[in-house]
Amino acid sequence: MYNLILIFTILGLGIAFVPQPSHWDKGGPLKGDALYWHNQKVQAKEVNLLNKLKKQKEEELRHPTHRAQQLDDGLQEMGEIPIEDLMKGMRGFL
């Protein structure tokens, strides 16, 4: 009987003195909690970026810019060429 009490006492003291993890270690949250909040912040940034891109695409659809305003065909570099001369060169092609 005394052996049983002695075993449980030693076992209890052993468990009491084993270092236990605590969320107060180093004055901060556990690694799992910190990782969770980091992931939440990253996901929020990604969602904000996706929403921003979506709004930009919607704005482009509402107010499209013409391709002639976006692309440079190189005619300006060669000087002012009248449209009649360009049409004569393309007559057989068209």
PDB file of N, CA and C in Angstrom:
ATOM      1  N   MET A   1       0.817  -1.189   0.000  1.00  0.00           N
ATOM      2  CA  MET A   1       0.000   0.000   0.000  1.00  0.00           C
ATOM      3  C   MET A   1       0.864   1.257   0.000  1.00  0.00           C
ATOM      4  N   TYR A   2       1.921   1.209   0.876  1.00  0.00           N
ATOM      5  CA  TYR A   2       2.804   2.373   0.918  1.00  0.00           C
ATOM      6  C   TYR A   2       3.602   2.504  -0.386  1.00  0.00           C
ATOM      7  N   ASN A   3       3.883   1.369  -0.990  1.00  0.00           N
ATOM      8  CA  ASN A   3       4.605   1.407  -2.267  1.00  0.00           C
ATOM      9  C   ASN A   3       3.782   2.120  -3.343  1.00  0.00           C
ATOM     10  N   LEU A   4       2.491   1.882  -3.353  1.00  0.00           N
ATOM     11  CA  LEU A   4       1.600   2.503  -4.321  1.00  0.00           C
ATOM     12  C   LEU A   4       1.536   4.018  -4.105  1.00  0.00           C
ATOM     13  N   ILE A   5       1.439   4.439  -2.861  1.00  0.00           N
ATOM     14  CA  ILE A   5       1.412   5.876  -2.542  1.00  0.00           C
ATOM     15  C   ILE A   5       2.746   6.522  -2.920  1.00  0.00           C
ATOM     16  N   LEU A   6       3.852   5.843  -2.637  1.00  0.00           N
ATOM     17  CA  LEU A   6       5.172   6.354  -2.966  1.00  0.00           C
ATOM     18  C   LEU A   6       5.342   6.481  -4.486  1.00  0.00           C
ATOM     19  N   ILE A   7       4.885   5.514  -5.247  1.00  0.00           N
ATOM     20  CA  ILE A   7       4.990   5.560  -6.715  1.00  0.00           C
ATOM     21  C   ILE A   7       4.187   6.730  -7.270  1.00  0.00           C
ATOM     22  N   PHE A   8       2.939   6.901  -6.794  1.00  0.00           N
ATOM     23  CA  PHE A   8       2.115   8.011  -7.286  1.00  0.00           C
ATOM     24  C   PHE A   8       2.673   9.369  -6.875  1.00  0.00           C
ATOM     25  N   THR A   9       3.278   9.469  -5.714  1.00  0.00           N
ATOM     26  CA  THR A   9       3.889  10.715  -5.268  1.00  0.00           C
ATOM     27  C   THR A   9       5.088  11.070  -6.147  1.00  0.00           C
ATOM     28  N   ILE A  10       5.945  10.116  -6.385  1.00  0.00           N
ATOM     29  CA  ILE A  10       7.121  10.354  -7.235  1.00  0.00           C
ATOM     30  C   ILE A  10       6.680  10.677  -8.661  1.00  0.00           C
ATOM     31  N   LEU A  11       5.687   9.955  -9.168  1.00  0.00           N
ATOM     32  CA  LEU A  11       5.168  10.215 -10.507  1.00  0.00           C
ATOM     33  C   LEU A  11       4.560  11.624 -10.593  1.00  0.00           C
ATOM     34  N   GLY A  12       3.814  12.024  -9.587  1.00  0.00           N
ATOM     35  CA  GLY A  12       3.208  13.372  -9.564  1.00  0.00           C
ATOM     36  C   GLY A  12       4.256  14.464  -9.524  1.00  0.00           C
ATOM     37  N   LEU A  13       5.296  14.276  -8.675  1.00  0.00           N
ATOM     38  CA  LEU A  13       6.364  15.267  -8.610  1.00  0.00           C
ATOM     39  C   LEU A  13       7.145  15.322  -9.927  1.00  0.00           C
ATOM     40  N   GLY A  14       7.334  14.175 -10.556  1.00  0.00           N
ATOM     41  CA  GLY A  14       8.030  14.148 -11.840  1.00  0.00           C
ATOM     42  C   GLY A  14       7.268  14.912 -12.911  1.00  0.00           C
ATOM     43  N   ILE A  15       5.972  14.725 -12.930  1.00  0.00           N
ATOM     44  CA  ILE A  15       5.144  15.446 -13.911  1.00  0.00           C
ATOM     45  C   ILE A  15       5.122  16.937 -13.592  1.00  0.00           C
ATOM     46  N   ALA A  16       5.101  17.300 -12.317  1.00  0.00           N
ATOM     47  CA  ALA A  16       5.042  18.710 -11.924  1.00  0.00           C
ATOM     48  C   ALA A  16       6.314  19.457 -12.298  1.00  0.00           C
ATOM     49  N   PHE A  17       7.457  18.789 -12.271  1.00  0.00           N
ATOM     50  CA  PHE A  17       8.716  19.489 -12.542  1.00  0.00           C
ATOM     51  C   PHE A  17       9.164  19.409 -14.004  1.00  0.00           C
ATOM     52  N   VAL A  18       8.457  18.659 -14.823  1.00  0.00           N
ATOM     53  CA  VAL A  18       8.785  18.618 -16.254  1.00  0.00           C
ATOM     54  C   VAL A  18       8.318  19.937 -16.867  1.00  0.00           C
ATOM     55  N   PRO A  19       9.160  20.577 -17.661  1.00  0.00           N
ATOM     56  CA  PRO A  19       8.743  21.859 -18.242  1.00  0.00           C
ATOM     57  C   PRO A  19       7.537  21.680 -19.161  1.00  0.00           C
ATOM     58  N   GLN A  20       6.550  22.491 -18.935  1.00  0.00           N
ATOM     59  CA  GLN A  20       5.322  22.439 -19.725  1.00  0.00           C
ATOM     60  C   GLN A  20       5.298  23.625 -20.689  1.00  0.00           C
ATOM     61  N   PRO A  21       4.822  23.435 -21.904  1.00  0.00           N
ATOM     62  CA  PRO A  21       4.724  24.571 -22.825  1.00  0.00           C
ATOM     63  C   PRO A  21       3.658  25.549 -22.344  1.00  0.00           C
ATOM     64  N   SER A  22       3.913  26.786 -22.582  1.00  0.00           N
ATOM     65  CA  SER A  22       2.983  27.814 -22.154  1.00  0.00           C
ATOM     66  C   SER A  22       2.904  28.887 -23.216  1.00  0.00           C
ATOM     67  N   HIS A  23       1.749  29.507 -23.381  1.00  0.00           N
ATOM     68  CA  HIS A  23       1.627  30.591 -24.347  1.00  0.00           C
ATOM     69  C   HIS A  23       2.237  31.884 -23.806  1.00  0.00           C
ATOM     70  N   TRP A  24       2.699  31.855 -22.577  1.00  0.00           N
ATOM     71  CA  TRP A  24       3.360  33.033 -22.011  1.00  0.00           C
ATOM     72  C   TRP A  24       4.870  32.969 -22.188  1.00  0.00           C
ATOM     73  N   ASP A  25       5.384  31.885 -22.770  1.00  0.00           N
ATOM     74  CA  ASP A  25       6.825  31.794 -22.995  1.00  0.00           C
ATOM     75  C   ASP A  25       7.270  32.912 -23.924  1.00  0.00           C
ATOM     76  N   LYS A  26       8.350  33.545 -23.598  1.00  0.00           N
ATOM     77  CA  LYS A  26       8.939  34.625 -24.392  1.00  0.00           C
ATOM     78  C   LYS A  26       7.972  35.778 -24.623  1.00  0.00           C
ATOM     79  N   GLY A  27       6.945  35.876 -23.812  1.00  0.00           N
ATOM     80  CA  GLY A  27       6.029  37.010 -23.892  1.00  0.00           C
ATOM     81  C   GLY A  27       5.198  37.055 -25.156  1.00  0.00           C
ATOM     82  N   GLY A  28       5.001  35.929 -25.830  1.00  0.00           N
ATOM     83  CA  GLY A  28       4.242  35.953 -27.069  1.00  0.00           C
ATOM     84  C   GLY A  28       3.386  34.719 -27.226  1.00  0.00           C
ATOM     85  N   PRO A  29       2.675  34.663 -28.317  1.00  0.00           N
ATOM     86  CA  PRO A  29       1.810  33.513 -28.543  1.00  0.00           C
ATOM     87  C   PRO A  29       2.598  32.284 -28.989  1.00  0.00           C
ATOM     88  N   LEU A  30       1.936  31.174 -29.009  1.00  0.00           N
ATOM     89  CA  LEU A  30       2.554  29.946 -29.496  1.00  0.00           C
ATOM     90  C   LEU A  30       2.879  30.075 -30.977  1.00  0.00           C
ATOM     91  N   LYS A  31       3.764  29.206 -31.449  1.00  0.00           N
ATOM     92  CA  LYS A  31       4.126  29.247 -32.866  1.00  0.00           C
ATOM     93  C   LYS A  31       2.914  29.005 -33.758  1.00  0.00           C
ATOM     94  N   GLY A  32       2.050  28.115 -33.354  1.00  0.00           N
ATOM     95  CA  GLY A  32       0.856  27.822 -34.149  1.00  0.00           C
ATOM     96  C   GLY A  32      -0.041  29.039 -34.283  1.00  0.00           C
ATOM     97  N   ASP A  33      -0.212  29.770 -33.170  1.00  0.00           N
ATOM     98  CA  ASP A  33      -1.032  30.978 -33.213  1.00  0.00           C
ATOM     99  C   ASP A  33      -0.387  32.048 -34.077  1.00  0.00           C
ATOM    100  N   ALA A  34       0.922  32.222 -33.942  1.00  0.00           N
ATOM    101  CA  ALA A  34       1.621  33.224 -34.754  1.00  0.00           C
ATOM    102  C   ALA A  34       1.541  32.858 -36.229  1.00  0.00           C
ATOM    103  N   LEU A  35       1.689  31.586 -36.543  1.00  0.00           N
ATOM    104  CA  LEU A  35       1.596  31.132 -37.931  1.00  0.00           C
ATOM    105  C   LEU A  35       0.186  31.354 -38.476  1.00  0.00           C
ATOM    106  N   TYR A  36      -0.809  31.086 -37.659  1.00  0.00           N
ATOM    107  CA  TYR A  36      -2.200  31.297 -38.080  1.00  0.00           C
ATOM    108  C   TYR A  36      -2.444  32.769 -38.417  1.00  0.00           C
ATOM    109  N   TRP A  37      -2.006  33.674 -37.551  1.00  0.00           N
ATOM    110  CA  TRP A  37      -2.243  35.102 -37.798  1.00  0.00           C
ATOM    111  C   TRP A  37      -1.427  35.591 -38.981  1.00  0.00           C
ATOM    112  N   HIS A  38      -0.230  35.049 -39.165  1.00  0.00           N
ATOM    113  CA  HIS A  38       0.574  35.417 -40.338  1.00  0.00           C
ATOM    114  C   HIS A  38      -0.140  34.992 -41.618  1.00  0.00           C
ATOM    115  N   ASN A  39      -0.666  33.771 -41.621  1.00  0.00           N
ATOM    116  CA  ASN A  39      -1.384  33.283 -42.798  1.00  0.00           C
ATOM    117  C   ASN A  39      -2.629  34.120 -43.065  1.00  0.00           C
ATOM    118  N   GLN A  40      -3.306  34.543 -42.018  1.00  0.00           N
ATOM    119  CA  GLN A  40      -4.484  35.393 -42.192  1.00  0.00           C
ATOM    120  C   GLN A  40      -4.106  36.721 -42.849  1.00  0.00           C
ATOM    121  N   LYS A  41      -2.989  37.313 -42.427  1.00  0.00           N
ATOM    122  CA  LYS A  41      -2.538  38.576 -43.012  1.00  0.00           C
ATOM    123  C   LYS A  41      -2.157  38.395 -44.472  1.00  0.00           C
ATOM    124  N   VAL A  42      -1.467  37.303 -44.784  1.00  0.00           N
ATOM    125  CA  VAL A  42      -1.051  37.044 -46.165  1.00  0.00           C
ATOM    126  C   VAL A  42      -2.279  36.848 -47.046  1.00  0.00           C
ATOM    127  N   GLN A  43      -3.253  36.094 -46.564  1.00  0.00           N
ATOM    128  CA  GLN A  43      -4.468  35.864 -47.342  1.00  0.00           C
ATOM    129  C   GLN A  43      -5.235  37.165 -47.545  1.00  0.00           C
ATOM    130  N   ALA A  44      -5.261  38.022 -46.534  1.00  0.00           N
ATOM    131  CA  ALA A  44      -5.947  39.304 -46.674  1.00  0.00           C
ATOM    132  C   ALA A  44      -5.258  40.167 -47.729  1.00  0.00           C
ATOM    133  N   LYS A  45      -3.924  40.156 -47.760  1.00  0.00           N
ATOM    134  CA  LYS A  45      -3.194  40.920 -48.771  1.00  0.00           C
ATOM    135  C   LYS A  45      -3.486  40.378 -50.169  1.00  0.00           C
ATOM    136  N   GLU A  46      -3.521  39.053 -50.292  1.00  0.00           N
ATOM    137  CA  GLU A  46      -3.813  38.441 -51.595  1.00  0.00           C
ATOM    138  C   GLU A  46      -5.212  38.798 -52.062  1.00  0.00           C
ATOM    139  N   VAL A  47      -6.177  38.766 -51.152  1.00  0.00           N
ATOM    140  CA  VAL A  47      -7.547  39.111 -51.516  1.00  0.00           C
ATOM    141  C   VAL A  47      -7.621  40.570 -51.936  1.00  0.00           C
ATOM    142  N   ASN A  48      -6.939  41.445 -51.224  1.00  0.00           N
ATOM    143  CA  ASN A  48      -6.939  42.864 -51.595  1.00  0.00           C
ATOM    144  C   ASN A  48      -6.320  43.060 -52.964  1.00  0.00           C
ATOM    145  N   LEU A  49      -5.238  42.354 -53.251  1.00  0.00           N
ATOM    146  CA  LEU A  49      -4.586  42.471 -54.556  1.00  0.00           C
ATOM    147  C   LEU A  49      -5.507  41.967 -55.667  1.00  0.00           C
ATOM    148  N   LEU A  50      -6.160  40.829 -55.435  1.00  0.00           N
ATOM    149  CA  LEU A  50      -7.078  40.297 -56.437  1.00  0.00           C
ATOM    150  C   LEU A  50      -8.253  41.239 -56.672  1.00  0.00           C
ATOM    151  N   ASN A  51      -8.779  41.828 -55.605  1.00  0.00           N
ATOM    152  CA  ASN A  51      -9.872  42.795 -55.759  1.00  0.00           C
ATOM    153  C   ASN A  51      -9.421  44.021 -56.539  1.00  0.00           C
ATOM    154  N   LYS A  52      -8.207  44.462 -56.279  1.00  0.00           N
ATOM    155  CA  LYS A  52      -7.661  45.615 -56.991  1.00  0.00           C
ATOM    156  C   LYS A  52      -7.528  45.327 -58.485  1.00  0.00           C
ATOM    157  N   LEU A  53      -6.998  44.130 -58.817  1.00  0.00           N
ATOM    158  CA  LEU A  53      -6.866  43.746 -60.224  1.00  0.00           C
ATOM    159  C   LEU A  53      -8.234  43.611 -60.889  1.00  0.00           C
ATOM    160  N   LYS A  54      -9.194  43.074 -60.155  1.00  0.00           N
ATOM    161  CA  LYS A  54     -10.539  42.923 -60.698  1.00  0.00           C
ATOM    162  C   LYS A  54     -11.159  44.291 -60.990  1.00  0.00           C
ATOM    163  N   LYS A  55     -10.972  45.250 -60.090  1.00  0.00           N
ATOM    164  CA  LYS A  55     -11.498  46.605 -60.314  1.00  0.00           C
ATOM    165  C   LYS A  55     -10.825  47.259 -61.510  1.00  0.00           C
ATOM    166  N   GLN A  56      -9.520  47.029 -61.669  1.00  0.00           N
ATOM    167  CA  GLN A  56      -8.825  47.602 -62.820  1.00  0.00           C
ATOM    168  C   GLN A  56      -9.365  47.027 -64.120  1.00  0.00           C
ATOM    169  N   LYS A  57      -9.610  45.719 -64.156  1.00  0.00           N
ATOM    170  CA  LYS A  57     -10.155  45.107 -65.370  1.00  0.00           C
ATOM    171  C   LYS A  57     -11.555  45.620 -65.664  1.00  0.00           C
ATOM    172  N   GLU A  58     -12.372  45.774 -64.617  1.00  0.00           N
ATOM    173  CA  GLU A  58     -13.716  46.308 -64.812  1.00  0.00           C
ATOM    174  C   GLU A  58     -13.659  47.737 -65.326  1.00  0.00           C
ATOM    175  N   GLU A  59     -12.727  48.512 -64.822  1.00  0.00           N
ATOM    176  CA  GLU A  59     -12.568  49.898 -65.272  1.00  0.00           C
ATOM    177  C   GLU A  59     -12.132  49.937 -66.734  1.00  0.00           C
ATOM    178  N   GLU A  60     -11.246  49.025 -67.126  1.00  0.00           N
ATOM    179  CA  GLU A  60     -10.810  48.964 -68.519  1.00  0.00           C
ATOM    180  C   GLU A  60     -11.969  48.562 -69.428  1.00  0.00           C
ATOM    181  N   LEU A  61     -12.855  47.690 -68.949  1.00  0.00           N
ATOM    182  CA  LEU A  61     -14.004  47.302 -69.757  1.00  0.00           C
ATOM    183  C   LEU A  61     -14.998  48.446 -69.884  1.00  0.00           C
ATOM    184  N   ARG A  62     -15.143  49.250 -68.836  1.00  0.00           N
ATOM    185  CA  ARG A  62     -16.054  50.389 -68.889  1.00  0.00           C
ATOM    186  C   ARG A  62     -15.534  51.502 -69.778  1.00  0.00           C
ATOM    187  N   HIS A  63     -14.239  51.762 -69.683  1.00  0.00           N
ATOM    188  CA  HIS A  63     -13.620  52.849 -70.445  1.00  0.00           C
ATOM    189  C   HIS A  63     -12.433  52.291 -71.230  1.00  0.00           C
ATOM    190  N   PRO A  64     -12.701  51.588 -72.321  1.00  0.00           N
ATOM    191  CA  PRO A  64     -11.578  50.976 -73.052  1.00  0.00           C
ATOM    192  C   PRO A  64     -10.746  52.030 -73.776  1.00  0.00           C
ATOM    193  N   THR A  65      -9.482  51.763 -73.875  1.00  0.00           N
ATOM    194  CA  THR A  65      -8.611  52.607 -74.680  1.00  0.00           C
ATOM    195  C   THR A  65      -8.440  51.914 -76.022  1.00  0.00           C
ATOM    196  N   HIS A  66      -8.402  52.680 -77.079  1.00  0.00           N
ATOM    197  CA  HIS A  66      -8.296  52.102 -78.404  1.00  0.00           C
ATOM    198  C   HIS A  66      -6.900  51.547 -78.618  1.00  0.00           C
ATOM    199  N   ARG A  67      -6.818  50.511 -79.395  1.00  0.00           N
ATOM    200  CA  ARG A  67      -5.534  49.876 -79.654  1.00  0.00           C
ATOM    201  C   ARG A  67      -4.567  50.832 -80.322  1.00  0.00           C
ATOM    202  N   ALA A  68      -5.071  51.729 -81.151  1.00  0.00           N
ATOM    203  CA  ALA A  68      -4.192  52.677 -81.831  1.00  0.00           C
ATOM    204  C   ALA A  68      -3.516  53.609 -80.829  1.00  0.00           C
ATOM    205  N   GLN A  69      -4.141  53.801 -79.696  1.00  0.00           N
ATOM    206  CA  GLN A  69      -3.535  54.640 -78.668  1.00  0.00           C
ATOM    207  C   GLN A  69      -2.499  53.864 -77.867  1.00  0.00           C
ATOM    208  N   GLN A  70      -2.628  52.547 -77.840  1.00  0.00           N
ATOM    209  CA  GLN A  70      -1.719  51.744 -77.040  1.00  0.00           C
ATOM    210  C   GLN A  70      -0.507  51.267 -77.831  1.00  0.00           C
ATOM    211  N   LEU A  71      -0.704  50.892 -79.091  1.00  0.00           N
ATOM    212  CA  LEU A  71       0.364  50.281 -79.864  1.00  0.00           C
ATOM    213  C   LEU A  71       0.985  51.302 -80.810  1.00  0.00           C
ATOM    214  N   ASP A  72       2.274  51.213 -80.982  1.00  0.00           N
ATOM    215  CA  ASP A  72       2.974  52.083 -81.913  1.00  0.00           C
ATOM    216  C   ASP A  72       3.314  51.254 -83.135  1.00  0.00           C
ATOM    217  N   ASP A  73       2.811  51.655 -84.299  1.00  0.00           N
ATOM    218  CA  ASP A  73       3.052  50.872 -85.511  1.00  0.00           C
ATOM    219  C   ASP A  73       4.313  51.297 -86.241  1.00  0.00           C
ATOM    220  N   GLY A  74       5.021  52.292 -85.765  1.00  0.00           N
ATOM    221  CA  GLY A  74       6.287  52.687 -86.348  1.00  0.00           C
ATOM    222  C   GLY A  74       6.183  53.686 -87.481  1.00  0.00           C
ATOM    223  N   LEU A  75       4.984  54.066 -87.883  1.00  0.00           N
ATOM    224  CA  LEU A  75       4.837  55.010 -88.999  1.00  0.00           C
ATOM    225  C   LEU A  75       5.322  56.408 -88.612  1.00  0.00           C
ATOM    226  N   GLN A  76       5.228  56.736 -87.346  1.00  0.00           N
ATOM    227  CA  GLN A  76       5.647  58.068 -86.927  1.00  0.00           C
ATOM    228  C   GLN A  76       7.157  58.228 -87.063  1.00  0.00           C
ATOM    229  N   GLU A  77       7.882  57.140 -86.968  1.00  0.00           N
ATOM    230  CA  GLU A  77       9.342  57.228 -87.070  1.00  0.00           C
ATOM    231  C   GLU A  77       9.789  57.502 -88.496  1.00  0.00           C
ATOM    232  N   MET A  78       9.013  57.048 -89.475  1.00  0.00           N
ATOM    233  CA  MET A  78       9.393  57.226 -90.870  1.00  0.00           C
ATOM    234  C   MET A  78       8.995  58.612 -91.379  1.00  0.00           C
ATOM    235  N   GLY A  79       8.306  59.369 -90.617  1.00  0.00           N
ATOM    236  CA  GLY A  79       7.858  60.685 -91.046  1.00  0.00           C
ATOM    237  C   GLY A  79       6.377  60.663 -91.358  1.00  0.00           C
ATOM    238  N   GLU A  80       5.886  61.793 -91.805  1.00  0.00           N
ATOM    239  CA  GLU A  80       4.467  61.901 -92.122  1.00  0.00           C
ATOM    240  C   GLU A  80       4.222  61.316 -93.511  1.00  0.00           C
ATOM    241  N   ILE A  81       3.564  60.182 -93.586  1.00  0.00           N
ATOM    242  CA  ILE A  81       3.245  59.542 -94.860  1.00  0.00           C
ATOM    243  C   ILE A  81       1.752  59.729 -95.097  1.00  0.00           C
ATOM    244  N   PRO A  82       1.372  60.307 -96.223  1.00  0.00           N
ATOM    245  CA  PRO A  82      -0.058  60.471 -96.489  1.00  0.00           C
ATOM    246  C   PRO A  82      -0.748  59.117 -96.634  1.00  0.00           C
ATOM    247  N   ILE A  83      -2.000  59.072 -96.248  1.00  0.00           N
ATOM    248  CA  ILE A  83      -2.747  57.825 -96.283  1.00  0.00           C
ATOM    249  C   ILE A  83      -2.929  57.317 -97.710  1.00  0.00           C
ATOM    250  N   GLU A  84      -2.968  58.253 -98.681  1.00  0.00           N
ATOM    251  CA  GLU A  84      -3.128  57.832-100.080  1.00  0.00           C
ATOM    252  C   GLU A  84      -1.938  56.976-100.526  1.00  0.00           C
ATOM    253  N   ASP A  85      -0.726  57.387-100.144  1.00  0.00           N
ATOM    254  CA  ASP A  85       0.459  56.609-100.515  1.00  0.00           C
ATOM    255  C   ASP A  85       0.438  55.225 -99.862  1.00  0.00           C
ATOM    256  N   LEU A  86      -0.025  55.170 -98.635  1.00  0.00           N
ATOM    257  CA  LEU A  86      -0.117  53.876 -97.962  1.00  0.00           C
ATOM    258  C   LEU A  86      -1.143  52.982 -98.646  1.00  0.00           C
ATOM    259  N   MET A  87      -2.251  53.582 -99.067  1.00  0.00           N
ATOM    260  CA  MET A  87      -3.290  52.794 -99.731  1.00  0.00           C
ATOM    261  C   MET A  87      -2.815  52.287-101.089  1.00  0.00           C
ATOM    262  N   LYS A  88      -2.022  53.098-101.800  1.00  0.00           N
ATOM    263  CA  LYS A  88      -1.501  52.655-103.103  1.00  0.00           C
ATOM    264  C   LYS A  88      -0.568  51.451-102.926  1.00  0.00           C
ATOM    265  N   GLY A  89       0.203  51.471-101.883  1.00  0.00           N
ATOM    266  CA  GLY A  89       1.108  50.345-101.636  1.00  0.00           C
ATOM    267  C   GLY A  89       0.381  49.087-101.242  1.00  0.00           C
ATOM    268  N   MET A  90      -0.799  49.202-100.683  1.00  0.00           N
ATOM    269  CA  MET A  90      -1.560  48.045-100.208  1.00  0.00           C
ATOM    270  C   MET A  90      -2.675  47.659-101.169  1.00  0.00           C
ATOM    271  N   ARG A  91      -2.752  48.284-102.343  1.00  0.00           N
ATOM    272  CA  ARG A  91      -3.881  48.053-103.234  1.00  0.00           C
ATOM    273  C   ARG A  91      -4.022  46.586-103.625  1.00  0.00           C
ATOM    274  N   GLY A  92      -2.977  45.951-104.037  1.00  0.00           N
ATOM    275  CA  GLY A  92      -3.053  44.545-104.421  1.00  0.00           C
ATOM    276  C   GLY A  92      -3.281  43.626-103.218  1.00  0.00           C
ATOM    277  N   PHE A  93      -2.817  44.065-102.064  1.00  0.00           N
ATOM    278  CA  PHE A  93      -2.959  43.249-100.845  1.00  0.00           C
ATOM    279  C   PHE A  93      -4.389  43.230-100.352  1.00  0.00           C
ATOM    280  N   LEU A  94      -5.039  44.389-100.414  1.00  0.00           N
ATOM    281  CA  LEU A  94      -6.402  44.470 -99.924  1.00  0.00           C
ATOM    282  C   LEU A  94      -7.353  43.940-100.958  1.00  0.00           C
TER     283      LEU A  94
END
